[in-house]
Amino acid sequence: MGHGDAHRRMNPTLFFAVRLPASSCAQLEPYLAGLAGISPAIRPVRADGLHLTLQFLGRVPPESVAALLTVGVAVASDRPRFTIELGELGSFESGHRPTVIWIGLRRGADELAGLNRELGTRLAAARLPQDRRGFRPHLTLARVKGELGETAFAQVAGLGARLRAAEFEPLPVTEIHLMESEPVPGEPNRYRSREALALRLL
């Protein structure tokens, strides 16, 4: 193992996120399977790891984890619990090629954006890693590697129509998580919670 590999193993890839409950993950699993069947270029995420990222932190030295948790606890305890509702299918694009296929929100986007801002402010004040990119709340379903043809585009649009017709229950958000992204050879990354941080009761 080279020095770079050892460094990557020692420094986990971390992020703050809202996790979806198991029931919602199960409800979305057929859509992930549907995306996988459209094209080899579409690589769905794991159903058991569905989440809405709040702040992507990148590779973090283990000695910084305690400080990250301190920030997370401070933010969570300052923010009231709220509800989200899943919306319609969308994508991030590079030119005319989608790079990420996701679900937006009908409800809860403002609260998620507030969490993103407060986490960013407190992380910066503590001189900890933070995500300075523009924040757009979304639930990633798949990443796209390569070009999709017209037939595949049409099939993705058809899946989007199925999602619009689906009935998703409003989801109470009672906690945020410090999560870790763990690579799995030949498979999508596995996401696990390092710590659950309770939001403030109303």
N, C-alpha and C. Protein backbone atom coordinates (compact mmCIF):
# COMPACT_ATOMS: atom_id res chain seq x y z
N MET A 1 0.84 -1.20 0.00
CA MET A 1 0.00 0.00 0.00
C MET A 1 0.88 1.24 0.00
N GLY A 2 0.60 2.19 -0.90
CA GLY A 2 1.37 3.41 -0.98
C GLY A 2 0.97 4.39 0.11
N HIS A 3 1.79 5.46 0.23
CA HIS A 3 1.52 6.47 1.25
C HIS A 3 0.16 7.12 1.02
N GLY A 4 -0.19 7.39 -0.25
CA GLY A 4 -1.49 8.01 -0.54
C GLY A 4 -2.64 7.12 -0.13
N ASP A 5 -2.52 5.79 -0.36
CA ASP A 5 -3.59 4.87 0.04
C ASP A 5 -3.75 4.84 1.55
N ALA A 6 -2.61 4.83 2.26
CA ALA A 6 -2.68 4.82 3.72
C ALA A 6 -3.33 6.09 4.24
N HIS A 7 -3.01 7.23 3.61
CA HIS A 7 -3.60 8.52 4.02
C HIS A 7 -5.11 8.50 3.83
N ARG A 8 -5.58 7.94 2.71
CA ARG A 8 -7.01 7.89 2.45
C ARG A 8 -7.72 6.98 3.45
N ARG A 9 -7.08 5.88 3.82
CA ARG A 9 -7.68 4.96 4.79
C ARG A 9 -7.77 5.61 6.16
N MET A 10 -6.79 6.43 6.52
CA MET A 10 -6.76 7.05 7.85
C MET A 10 -7.75 8.21 7.94
N ASN A 11 -7.95 8.92 6.83
CA ASN A 11 -8.81 10.10 6.84
C ASN A 11 -10.14 9.77 6.17
N PRO A 12 -11.20 9.54 6.95
CA PRO A 12 -12.48 9.16 6.35
C PRO A 12 -13.13 10.33 5.63
N THR A 13 -13.97 10.01 4.64
CA THR A 13 -14.76 11.01 3.94
C THR A 13 -16.07 11.21 4.71
N LEU A 14 -16.28 12.42 5.22
CA LEU A 14 -17.41 12.69 6.11
C LEU A 14 -18.32 13.76 5.53
N PHE A 15 -19.56 13.76 5.99
CA PHE A 15 -20.52 14.80 5.60
C PHE A 15 -21.67 14.82 6.61
N PHE A 16 -22.29 15.98 6.73
CA PHE A 16 -23.52 16.10 7.52
C PHE A 16 -24.70 15.87 6.58
N ALA A 17 -25.73 15.16 7.07
CA ALA A 17 -26.86 14.84 6.21
C ALA A 17 -28.11 14.54 7.02
N VAL A 18 -29.24 14.55 6.33
CA VAL A 18 -30.50 14.02 6.84
C VAL A 18 -30.72 12.67 6.19
N ARG A 19 -30.89 11.65 7.00
CA ARG A 19 -31.13 10.30 6.47
C ARG A 19 -32.61 10.05 6.24
N LEU A 20 -32.93 9.27 5.21
CA LEU A 20 -34.30 8.85 5.00
C LEU A 20 -34.60 7.62 5.86
N PRO A 21 -35.83 7.53 6.39
CA PRO A 21 -36.18 6.33 7.16
C PRO A 21 -36.22 5.09 6.27
N ALA A 22 -36.11 3.94 6.89
CA ALA A 22 -36.07 2.68 6.15
C ALA A 22 -37.30 2.49 5.26
N SER A 23 -38.47 2.94 5.74
CA SER A 23 -39.69 2.77 4.95
C SER A 23 -39.62 3.55 3.64
N SER A 24 -39.06 4.76 3.68
CA SER A 24 -38.92 5.57 2.47
C SER A 24 -37.87 4.97 1.53
N CYS A 25 -36.80 4.46 2.11
CA CYS A 25 -35.77 3.79 1.28
C CYS A 25 -36.38 2.61 0.53
N ALA A 26 -37.22 1.84 1.22
CA ALA A 26 -37.86 0.69 0.59
C ALA A 26 -38.82 1.14 -0.51
N GLN A 27 -39.52 2.26 -0.29
CA GLN A 27 -40.46 2.75 -1.30
C GLN A 27 -39.74 3.23 -2.55
N LEU A 28 -38.51 3.73 -2.39
CA LEU A 28 -37.76 4.23 -3.54
C LEU A 28 -36.92 3.16 -4.23
N GLU A 29 -36.78 2.00 -3.59
CA GLU A 29 -35.92 0.96 -4.16
C GLU A 29 -36.33 0.55 -5.57
N PRO A 30 -37.63 0.40 -5.89
CA PRO A 30 -38.00 0.04 -7.28
C PRO A 30 -37.56 1.09 -8.30
N TYR A 31 -37.53 2.36 -7.91
CA TYR A 31 -37.10 3.41 -8.83
C TYR A 31 -35.58 3.32 -9.07
N LEU A 32 -34.84 2.96 -8.02
CA LEU A 32 -33.40 2.75 -8.20
C LEU A 32 -33.15 1.58 -9.14
N ALA A 33 -33.92 0.51 -8.96
CA ALA A 33 -33.78 -0.65 -9.86
C ALA A 33 -34.17 -0.27 -11.28
N GLY A 34 -35.20 0.57 -11.41
CA GLY A 34 -35.60 1.02 -12.73
C GLY A 34 -34.52 1.82 -13.43
N LEU A 35 -33.86 2.69 -12.69
CA LEU A 35 -32.75 3.46 -13.26
C LEU A 35 -31.62 2.54 -13.68
N ALA A 36 -31.31 1.56 -12.86
CA ALA A 36 -30.22 0.63 -13.18
C ALA A 36 -30.49 -0.13 -14.47
N GLY A 37 -31.78 -0.39 -14.76
CA GLY A 37 -32.13 -1.14 -15.95
C GLY A 37 -32.17 -0.32 -17.22
N ILE A 38 -32.06 0.99 -17.11
CA ILE A 38 -32.15 1.84 -18.30
C ILE A 38 -30.85 1.84 -19.10
N SER A 39 -29.72 1.97 -18.39
CA SER A 39 -28.43 2.08 -19.08
C SER A 39 -27.30 1.74 -18.12
N PRO A 40 -26.24 1.07 -18.63
CA PRO A 40 -25.07 0.82 -17.77
C PRO A 40 -24.40 2.12 -17.31
N ALA A 41 -24.67 3.23 -18.01
CA ALA A 41 -24.06 4.51 -17.62
C ALA A 41 -24.68 5.06 -16.35
N ILE A 42 -25.89 4.60 -16.00
CA ILE A 42 -26.57 5.09 -14.80
C ILE A 42 -26.22 4.17 -13.64
N ARG A 43 -25.66 4.77 -12.59
CA ARG A 43 -25.21 4.00 -11.43
C ARG A 43 -25.97 4.45 -10.19
N PRO A 44 -27.04 3.73 -9.84
CA PRO A 44 -27.83 4.13 -8.67
C PRO A 44 -27.05 3.99 -7.38
N VAL A 45 -27.44 4.77 -6.39
CA VAL A 45 -26.87 4.67 -5.06
C VAL A 45 -27.53 3.50 -4.34
N ARG A 46 -27.02 3.17 -3.17
CA ARG A 46 -27.62 2.10 -2.36
C ARG A 46 -28.93 2.58 -1.74
N ALA A 47 -29.92 1.72 -1.78
CA ALA A 47 -31.22 2.09 -1.21
C ALA A 47 -31.11 2.35 0.29
N ASP A 48 -30.27 1.58 0.96
CA ASP A 48 -30.20 1.74 2.42
C ASP A 48 -29.37 2.94 2.86
N GLY A 49 -28.86 3.71 1.91
CA GLY A 49 -28.04 4.87 2.28
C GLY A 49 -28.61 6.18 1.78
N LEU A 50 -29.89 6.21 1.39
CA LEU A 50 -30.46 7.44 0.83
C LEU A 50 -30.46 8.56 1.87
N HIS A 51 -30.03 9.74 1.43
CA HIS A 51 -29.89 10.87 2.36
C HIS A 51 -29.91 12.18 1.58
N LEU A 52 -30.09 13.26 2.31
CA LEU A 52 -29.98 14.61 1.77
C LEU A 52 -28.76 15.27 2.41
N THR A 53 -27.73 15.51 1.61
CA THR A 53 -26.49 16.07 2.14
C THR A 53 -26.70 17.53 2.54
N LEU A 54 -26.18 17.88 3.71
CA LEU A 54 -26.23 19.26 4.21
C LEU A 54 -24.89 19.97 4.03
N GLN A 55 -23.82 19.30 4.38
CA GLN A 55 -22.47 19.83 4.21
C GLN A 55 -21.53 18.68 3.91
N PHE A 56 -20.90 18.70 2.72
CA PHE A 56 -19.89 17.69 2.38
C PHE A 56 -18.54 18.19 2.87
N LEU A 57 -17.86 17.39 3.68
CA LEU A 57 -16.64 17.82 4.35
C LEU A 57 -15.37 17.28 3.71
N GLY A 58 -15.49 16.23 2.90
CA GLY A 58 -14.31 15.63 2.29
C GLY A 58 -13.56 14.75 3.29
N ARG A 59 -12.28 14.54 3.01
CA ARG A 59 -11.47 13.70 3.89
C ARG A 59 -11.06 14.50 5.12
N VAL A 60 -11.34 13.94 6.28
CA VAL A 60 -11.16 14.65 7.54
C VAL A 60 -10.23 13.86 8.45
N PRO A 61 -9.20 14.49 9.01
CA PRO A 61 -8.34 13.79 9.96
C PRO A 61 -9.15 13.32 11.17
N PRO A 62 -8.88 12.13 11.68
CA PRO A 62 -9.64 11.61 12.81
C PRO A 62 -9.66 12.54 14.02
N GLU A 63 -8.59 13.31 14.21
CA GLU A 63 -8.54 14.19 15.37
C GLU A 63 -9.51 15.37 15.27
N SER A 64 -10.09 15.58 14.08
CA SER A 64 -11.05 16.68 13.91
C SER A 64 -12.51 16.24 14.12
N VAL A 65 -12.73 14.95 14.28
CA VAL A 65 -14.11 14.44 14.36
C VAL A 65 -14.82 14.99 15.59
N ALA A 66 -14.15 15.03 16.73
CA ALA A 66 -14.79 15.53 17.95
C ALA A 66 -15.24 16.98 17.78
N ALA A 67 -14.42 17.80 17.12
CA ALA A 67 -14.79 19.20 16.89
C ALA A 67 -15.96 19.29 15.93
N LEU A 68 -16.01 18.42 14.92
CA LEU A 68 -17.15 18.40 14.00
C LEU A 68 -18.44 18.06 14.75
N LEU A 69 -18.36 17.10 15.65
CA LEU A 69 -19.54 16.73 16.43
C LEU A 69 -19.98 17.87 17.34
N THR A 70 -19.04 18.60 17.89
CA THR A 70 -19.39 19.76 18.72
C THR A 70 -20.18 20.78 17.90
N VAL A 71 -19.72 21.04 16.68
CA VAL A 71 -20.45 21.96 15.78
C VAL A 71 -21.82 21.39 15.46
N GLY A 72 -21.88 20.11 15.12
CA GLY A 72 -23.15 19.50 14.76
C GLY A 72 -24.16 19.55 15.90
N VAL A 73 -23.72 19.29 17.11
CA VAL A 73 -24.62 19.35 18.27
C VAL A 73 -25.14 20.76 18.47
N ALA A 74 -24.25 21.76 18.33
CA ALA A 74 -24.66 23.15 18.52
C ALA A 74 -25.71 23.56 17.50
N VAL A 75 -25.51 23.16 16.24
CA VAL A 75 -26.47 23.52 15.19
C VAL A 75 -27.79 22.78 15.39
N ALA A 76 -27.72 21.49 15.64
CA ALA A 76 -28.95 20.69 15.80
C ALA A 76 -29.79 21.19 16.97
N SER A 77 -29.15 21.50 18.07
CA SER A 77 -29.90 21.94 19.25
C SER A 77 -30.52 23.31 19.07
N ASP A 78 -30.06 24.05 18.05
CA ASP A 78 -30.56 25.40 17.79
C ASP A 78 -31.67 25.42 16.75
N ARG A 79 -31.88 24.29 16.08
CA ARG A 79 -32.83 24.25 14.96
C ARG A 79 -34.01 23.35 15.30
N PRO A 80 -35.25 23.82 15.07
CA PRO A 80 -36.41 23.00 15.40
C PRO A 80 -36.61 21.88 14.38
N ARG A 81 -37.32 20.85 14.82
CA ARG A 81 -37.69 19.75 13.94
C ARG A 81 -38.65 20.25 12.87
N PHE A 82 -38.66 19.57 11.73
CA PHE A 82 -39.50 20.01 10.62
C PHE A 82 -39.89 18.80 9.77
N THR A 83 -40.59 19.06 8.69
CA THR A 83 -41.08 17.98 7.83
C THR A 83 -40.64 18.23 6.38
N ILE A 84 -40.30 17.16 5.69
CA ILE A 84 -39.98 17.26 4.27
C ILE A 84 -40.97 16.43 3.47
N GLU A 85 -41.15 16.83 2.21
CA GLU A 85 -41.92 16.03 1.26
C GLU A 85 -41.12 15.93 -0.02
N LEU A 86 -40.98 14.71 -0.53
CA LEU A 86 -40.24 14.50 -1.77
C LEU A 86 -41.02 15.06 -2.95
N GLY A 87 -40.30 15.55 -3.96
CA GLY A 87 -40.92 16.17 -5.12
C GLY A 87 -40.67 15.39 -6.40
N GLU A 88 -40.17 16.10 -7.42
CA GLU A 88 -40.04 15.51 -8.75
C GLU A 88 -38.59 15.18 -9.10
N LEU A 89 -38.45 14.37 -10.13
CA LEU A 89 -37.13 13.97 -10.61
C LEU A 89 -36.44 15.16 -11.29
N GLY A 90 -35.15 15.29 -11.06
CA GLY A 90 -34.35 16.32 -11.71
C GLY A 90 -32.94 15.79 -11.95
N SER A 91 -32.08 16.66 -12.49
CA SER A 91 -30.70 16.22 -12.74
C SER A 91 -29.76 17.41 -12.74
N PHE A 92 -28.51 17.14 -12.39
CA PHE A 92 -27.43 18.09 -12.61
C PHE A 92 -26.80 17.72 -13.93
N GLU A 93 -26.43 18.74 -14.69
CA GLU A 93 -25.94 18.46 -16.04
C GLU A 93 -24.57 19.09 -16.28
N SER A 94 -23.79 18.42 -17.10
CA SER A 94 -22.54 18.94 -17.61
C SER A 94 -22.70 19.04 -19.12
N GLY A 95 -22.93 20.26 -19.63
CA GLY A 95 -23.30 20.40 -21.03
C GLY A 95 -24.69 19.82 -21.21
N HIS A 96 -24.82 18.86 -22.13
CA HIS A 96 -26.11 18.20 -22.35
C HIS A 96 -26.13 16.80 -21.72
N ARG A 97 -25.17 16.53 -20.85
CA ARG A 97 -25.11 15.22 -20.24
C ARG A 97 -25.45 15.32 -18.75
N PRO A 98 -26.43 14.56 -18.28
CA PRO A 98 -26.69 14.55 -16.83
C PRO A 98 -25.55 13.85 -16.10
N THR A 99 -25.18 14.39 -14.96
CA THR A 99 -24.14 13.77 -14.13
C THR A 99 -24.73 13.15 -12.87
N VAL A 100 -25.84 13.71 -12.40
CA VAL A 100 -26.52 13.20 -11.20
C VAL A 100 -28.03 13.26 -11.45
N ILE A 101 -28.73 12.18 -11.12
CA ILE A 101 -30.19 12.16 -11.17
C ILE A 101 -30.70 12.18 -9.74
N TRP A 102 -31.63 13.09 -9.46
CA TRP A 102 -32.06 13.29 -8.07
C TRP A 102 -33.55 13.57 -7.97
N ILE A 103 -34.04 13.57 -6.72
CA ILE A 103 -35.41 13.98 -6.43
C ILE A 103 -35.34 15.29 -5.65
N GLY A 104 -36.13 16.26 -6.07
CA GLY A 104 -36.21 17.53 -5.35
C GLY A 104 -37.23 17.44 -4.22
N LEU A 105 -37.53 18.59 -3.62
CA LEU A 105 -38.43 18.64 -2.48
C LEU A 105 -39.62 19.55 -2.74
N ARG A 106 -40.79 19.11 -2.30
CA ARG A 106 -41.97 19.97 -2.31
C ARG A 106 -42.05 20.79 -1.02
N ARG A 107 -41.44 20.28 0.02
CA ARG A 107 -41.51 20.92 1.33
C ARG A 107 -40.24 20.61 2.11
N GLY A 108 -39.75 21.59 2.84
CA GLY A 108 -38.59 21.38 3.70
C GLY A 108 -37.29 21.94 3.16
N ALA A 109 -37.31 22.47 1.91
CA ALA A 109 -36.06 22.97 1.32
C ALA A 109 -35.50 24.16 2.10
N ASP A 110 -36.35 25.05 2.57
CA ASP A 110 -35.87 26.22 3.31
C ASP A 110 -35.20 25.81 4.62
N GLU A 111 -35.79 24.84 5.29
CA GLU A 111 -35.20 24.38 6.55
C GLU A 111 -33.85 23.70 6.32
N LEU A 112 -33.75 22.93 5.24
CA LEU A 112 -32.47 22.29 4.92
C LEU A 112 -31.43 23.34 4.56
N ALA A 113 -31.83 24.37 3.81
CA ALA A 113 -30.90 25.44 3.46
C ALA A 113 -30.43 26.17 4.72
N GLY A 114 -31.33 26.35 5.69
CA GLY A 114 -30.94 26.99 6.94
C GLY A 114 -29.91 26.16 7.70
N LEU A 115 -30.10 24.86 7.72
CA LEU A 115 -29.11 23.99 8.35
C LEU A 115 -27.76 24.07 7.64
N ASN A 116 -27.80 24.08 6.31
CA ASN A 116 -26.57 24.20 5.53
C ASN A 116 -25.82 25.49 5.88
N ARG A 117 -26.54 26.60 5.95
CA ARG A 117 -25.90 27.89 6.24
C ARG A 117 -25.30 27.91 7.64
N GLU A 118 -26.08 27.45 8.62
CA GLU A 118 -25.57 27.52 10.00
C GLU A 118 -24.40 26.57 10.20
N LEU A 119 -24.48 25.38 9.60
CA LEU A 119 -23.32 24.48 9.67
C LEU A 119 -22.10 25.14 9.04
N GLY A 120 -22.28 25.75 7.86
CA GLY A 120 -21.15 26.39 7.19
C GLY A 120 -20.54 27.51 8.02
N THR A 121 -21.39 28.32 8.63
CA THR A 121 -20.91 29.43 9.45
C THR A 121 -20.11 28.94 10.64
N ARG A 122 -20.65 27.93 11.32
CA ARG A 122 -19.97 27.43 12.52
C ARG A 122 -18.72 26.63 12.17
N LEU A 123 -18.75 25.91 11.07
CA LEU A 123 -17.54 25.19 10.63
C LEU A 123 -16.43 26.17 10.28
N ALA A 124 -16.77 27.26 9.59
CA ALA A 124 -15.77 28.27 9.24
C ALA A 124 -15.19 28.92 10.49
N ALA A 125 -16.06 29.23 11.45
CA ALA A 125 -15.58 29.86 12.69
C ALA A 125 -14.63 28.94 13.46
N ALA A 126 -14.87 27.64 13.37
CA ALA A 126 -14.03 26.67 14.06
C ALA A 126 -12.84 26.23 13.21
N ARG A 127 -12.71 26.81 12.00
CA ARG A 127 -11.63 26.46 11.07
C ARG A 127 -11.63 24.98 10.73
N LEU A 128 -12.83 24.48 10.48
CA LEU A 128 -13.02 23.09 10.09
C LEU A 128 -13.42 23.02 8.62
N PRO A 129 -13.28 21.85 7.99
CA PRO A 129 -13.68 21.73 6.57
C PRO A 129 -15.14 22.08 6.38
N GLN A 130 -15.46 22.68 5.23
CA GLN A 130 -16.84 23.00 4.90
C GLN A 130 -17.00 22.96 3.39
N ASP A 131 -18.26 22.94 2.96
CA ASP A 131 -18.58 22.91 1.54
C ASP A 131 -19.00 24.31 1.12
N ARG A 132 -18.21 24.96 0.29
CA ARG A 132 -18.49 26.34 -0.13
C ARG A 132 -19.29 26.42 -1.43
N ARG A 133 -19.66 25.29 -1.97
CA ARG A 133 -20.44 25.29 -3.20
C ARG A 133 -21.88 25.74 -2.91
N GLY A 134 -22.55 26.22 -3.93
CA GLY A 134 -23.94 26.58 -3.78
C GLY A 134 -24.78 25.38 -3.35
N PHE A 135 -25.73 25.62 -2.47
CA PHE A 135 -26.51 24.52 -1.89
C PHE A 135 -27.86 24.41 -2.59
N ARG A 136 -28.19 23.21 -3.06
CA ARG A 136 -29.48 22.92 -3.65
C ARG A 136 -30.00 21.62 -3.06
N PRO A 137 -30.95 21.69 -2.14
CA PRO A 137 -31.40 20.47 -1.47
C PRO A 137 -31.91 19.44 -2.47
N HIS A 138 -31.42 18.21 -2.36
CA HIS A 138 -31.85 17.15 -3.27
C HIS A 138 -31.49 15.79 -2.69
N LEU A 139 -32.19 14.78 -3.18
CA LEU A 139 -31.94 13.40 -2.79
C LEU A 139 -31.34 12.69 -4.00
N THR A 140 -30.06 12.38 -3.94
CA THR A 140 -29.39 11.72 -5.07
C THR A 140 -29.89 10.29 -5.23
N LEU A 141 -30.32 9.95 -6.46
CA LEU A 141 -30.72 8.59 -6.78
C LEU A 141 -29.63 7.84 -7.55
N ALA A 142 -28.92 8.56 -8.43
CA ALA A 142 -27.94 7.88 -9.28
C ALA A 142 -26.93 8.88 -9.82
N ARG A 143 -25.76 8.38 -10.13
CA ARG A 143 -24.75 9.15 -10.85
C ARG A 143 -24.63 8.58 -12.25
N VAL A 144 -24.31 9.45 -13.20
CA VAL A 144 -24.25 9.04 -14.60
C VAL A 144 -22.81 9.17 -15.09
N LYS A 145 -22.28 8.09 -15.60
CA LYS A 145 -20.92 8.07 -16.15
C LYS A 145 -21.01 7.81 -17.64
N GLY A 146 -20.87 8.85 -18.44
CA GLY A 146 -20.96 8.68 -19.88
C GLY A 146 -22.21 9.32 -20.44
N GLU A 147 -22.45 9.09 -21.71
CA GLU A 147 -23.55 9.75 -22.42
C GLU A 147 -24.78 8.85 -22.48
N LEU A 148 -25.94 9.48 -22.32
CA LEU A 148 -27.21 8.76 -22.46
C LEU A 148 -27.81 9.07 -23.83
N GLY A 149 -28.29 8.05 -24.50
CA GLY A 149 -28.94 8.25 -25.79
C GLY A 149 -30.38 8.71 -25.62
N GLU A 150 -31.04 8.98 -26.73
CA GLU A 150 -32.42 9.48 -26.69
C GLU A 150 -33.36 8.48 -26.04
N THR A 151 -33.16 7.21 -26.31
CA THR A 151 -34.04 6.19 -25.72
C THR A 151 -33.91 6.19 -24.20
N ALA A 152 -32.67 6.26 -23.71
CA ALA A 152 -32.45 6.27 -22.27
C ALA A 152 -33.04 7.53 -21.64
N PHE A 153 -32.89 8.68 -22.30
CA PHE A 153 -33.49 9.92 -21.80
C PHE A 153 -35.00 9.76 -21.66
N ALA A 154 -35.62 9.15 -22.67
CA ALA A 154 -37.07 8.96 -22.65
C ALA A 154 -37.49 8.04 -21.50
N GLN A 155 -36.68 7.02 -21.25
CA GLN A 155 -36.99 6.09 -20.16
C GLN A 155 -36.84 6.77 -18.80
N VAL A 156 -35.84 7.62 -18.66
CA VAL A 156 -35.69 8.37 -17.40
C VAL A 156 -36.88 9.29 -17.21
N ALA A 157 -37.32 9.95 -18.29
CA ALA A 157 -38.49 10.81 -18.21
C ALA A 157 -39.73 10.02 -17.80
N GLY A 158 -39.86 8.80 -18.31
CA GLY A 158 -40.99 7.95 -17.94
C GLY A 158 -40.96 7.59 -16.47
N LEU A 159 -39.76 7.33 -15.95
CA LEU A 159 -39.63 7.05 -14.53
C LEU A 159 -39.98 8.29 -13.71
N GLY A 160 -39.62 9.45 -14.23
CA GLY A 160 -39.99 10.69 -13.56
C GLY A 160 -41.49 10.87 -13.47
N ALA A 161 -42.20 10.48 -14.51
CA ALA A 161 -43.66 10.56 -14.51
C ALA A 161 -44.25 9.62 -13.46
N ARG A 162 -43.66 8.43 -13.31
CA ARG A 162 -44.12 7.51 -12.27
C ARG A 162 -43.91 8.11 -10.89
N LEU A 163 -42.79 8.78 -10.70
CA LEU A 163 -42.51 9.41 -9.41
C LEU A 163 -43.53 10.51 -9.10
N ARG A 164 -43.88 11.30 -10.12
CA ARG A 164 -44.85 12.37 -9.91
C ARG A 164 -46.20 11.82 -9.46
N ALA A 165 -46.53 10.64 -9.96
CA ALA A 165 -47.82 10.03 -9.63
C ALA A 165 -47.79 9.28 -8.30
N ALA A 166 -46.59 9.03 -7.78
CA ALA A 166 -46.47 8.27 -6.53
C ALA A 166 -46.89 9.13 -5.34
N GLU A 167 -47.34 8.47 -4.30
CA GLU A 167 -47.72 9.16 -3.07
C GLU A 167 -46.67 8.87 -2.00
N PHE A 168 -45.93 9.91 -1.64
CA PHE A 168 -44.92 9.79 -0.59
C PHE A 168 -45.42 10.50 0.66
N GLU A 169 -45.34 9.82 1.78
CA GLU A 169 -45.77 10.42 3.03
C GLU A 169 -44.81 11.54 3.43
N PRO A 170 -45.33 12.62 4.04
CA PRO A 170 -44.43 13.62 4.62
C PRO A 170 -43.51 12.97 5.65
N LEU A 171 -42.26 13.38 5.66
CA LEU A 171 -41.26 12.74 6.52
C LEU A 171 -40.81 13.70 7.61
N PRO A 172 -41.04 13.39 8.88
CA PRO A 172 -40.54 14.25 9.95
C PRO A 172 -39.02 14.14 10.06
N VAL A 173 -38.37 15.27 10.17
CA VAL A 173 -36.91 15.31 10.36
C VAL A 173 -36.65 15.67 11.81
N THR A 174 -36.16 14.71 12.57
CA THR A 174 -35.93 14.90 14.00
C THR A 174 -34.46 14.95 14.37
N GLU A 175 -33.58 14.65 13.41
CA GLU A 175 -32.15 14.63 13.70
C GLU A 175 -31.35 14.79 12.41
N ILE A 176 -30.12 15.22 12.57
CA ILE A 176 -29.17 15.20 11.48
C ILE A 176 -28.07 14.22 11.85
N HIS A 177 -27.27 13.84 10.87
CA HIS A 177 -26.24 12.83 11.11
C HIS A 177 -24.89 13.31 10.60
N LEU A 178 -23.84 12.97 11.34
CA LEU A 178 -22.50 13.01 10.78
C LEU A 178 -22.28 11.65 10.16
N MET A 179 -22.08 11.62 8.83
CA MET A 179 -22.01 10.36 8.11
C MET A 179 -20.65 10.16 7.46
N GLU A 180 -20.38 8.90 7.17
CA GLU A 180 -19.12 8.53 6.50
C GLU A 180 -19.43 7.80 5.21
N SER A 181 -18.70 8.13 4.16
CA SER A 181 -18.79 7.44 2.89
C SER A 181 -17.69 6.39 2.82
N GLU A 182 -18.08 5.13 2.68
CA GLU A 182 -17.11 4.03 2.66
C GLU A 182 -17.09 3.39 1.27
N PRO A 183 -15.95 3.41 0.59
CA PRO A 183 -15.87 2.79 -0.74
C PRO A 183 -16.03 1.27 -0.66
N VAL A 184 -16.72 0.72 -1.65
CA VAL A 184 -16.89 -0.73 -1.78
C VAL A 184 -16.46 -1.10 -3.19
N PRO A 185 -15.41 -1.90 -3.35
CA PRO A 185 -14.90 -2.22 -4.69
C PRO A 185 -15.99 -2.77 -5.61
N GLY A 186 -16.14 -2.14 -6.77
CA GLY A 186 -17.08 -2.60 -7.77
C GLY A 186 -18.54 -2.31 -7.47
N GLU A 187 -18.82 -1.58 -6.39
CA GLU A 187 -20.20 -1.29 -6.00
C GLU A 187 -20.31 0.17 -5.59
N PRO A 188 -21.55 0.69 -5.46
CA PRO A 188 -21.70 2.07 -4.95
C PRO A 188 -21.16 2.18 -3.53
N ASN A 189 -20.74 3.38 -3.18
CA ASN A 189 -20.25 3.61 -1.83
C ASN A 189 -21.34 3.27 -0.80
N ARG A 190 -20.88 2.84 0.35
CA ARG A 190 -21.79 2.59 1.47
C ARG A 190 -21.73 3.81 2.40
N TYR A 191 -22.90 4.26 2.88
CA TYR A 191 -22.96 5.41 3.77
C TYR A 191 -23.43 4.96 5.15
N ARG A 192 -22.68 5.31 6.16
CA ARG A 192 -23.09 4.93 7.51
C ARG A 192 -23.06 6.15 8.42
N SER A 193 -23.92 6.14 9.41
CA SER A 193 -23.98 7.24 10.37
C SER A 193 -22.91 7.07 11.44
N ARG A 194 -22.12 8.11 11.63
CA ARG A 194 -21.16 8.10 12.74
C ARG A 194 -21.83 8.56 14.03
N GLU A 195 -22.80 9.48 13.90
CA GLU A 195 -23.48 10.01 15.09
C GLU A 195 -24.79 10.67 14.67
N ALA A 196 -25.85 10.41 15.42
CA ALA A 196 -27.14 11.09 15.21
C ALA A 196 -27.25 12.24 16.20
N LEU A 197 -27.64 13.43 15.69
CA LEU A 197 -27.69 14.65 16.48
C LEU A 197 -29.12 15.17 16.46
N ALA A 198 -29.78 15.17 17.61
CA ALA A 198 -31.20 15.49 17.69
C ALA A 198 -31.45 16.99 17.47
N LEU A 199 -32.46 17.27 16.64
CA LEU A 199 -32.92 18.64 16.46
C LEU A 199 -33.78 19.05 17.66
N ARG A 200 -33.93 20.37 17.83
CA ARG A 200 -34.68 20.91 18.98
C ARG A 200 -36.16 20.61 18.85
N LEU A 201 -36.77 20.23 19.96
CA LEU A 201 -38.23 20.05 19.99
C LEU A 201 -38.90 21.42 19.83
N LEU A 202 -40.03 21.44 19.14
CA LEU A 202 -40.75 22.69 18.94
C LEU A 202 -41.26 23.24 20.26
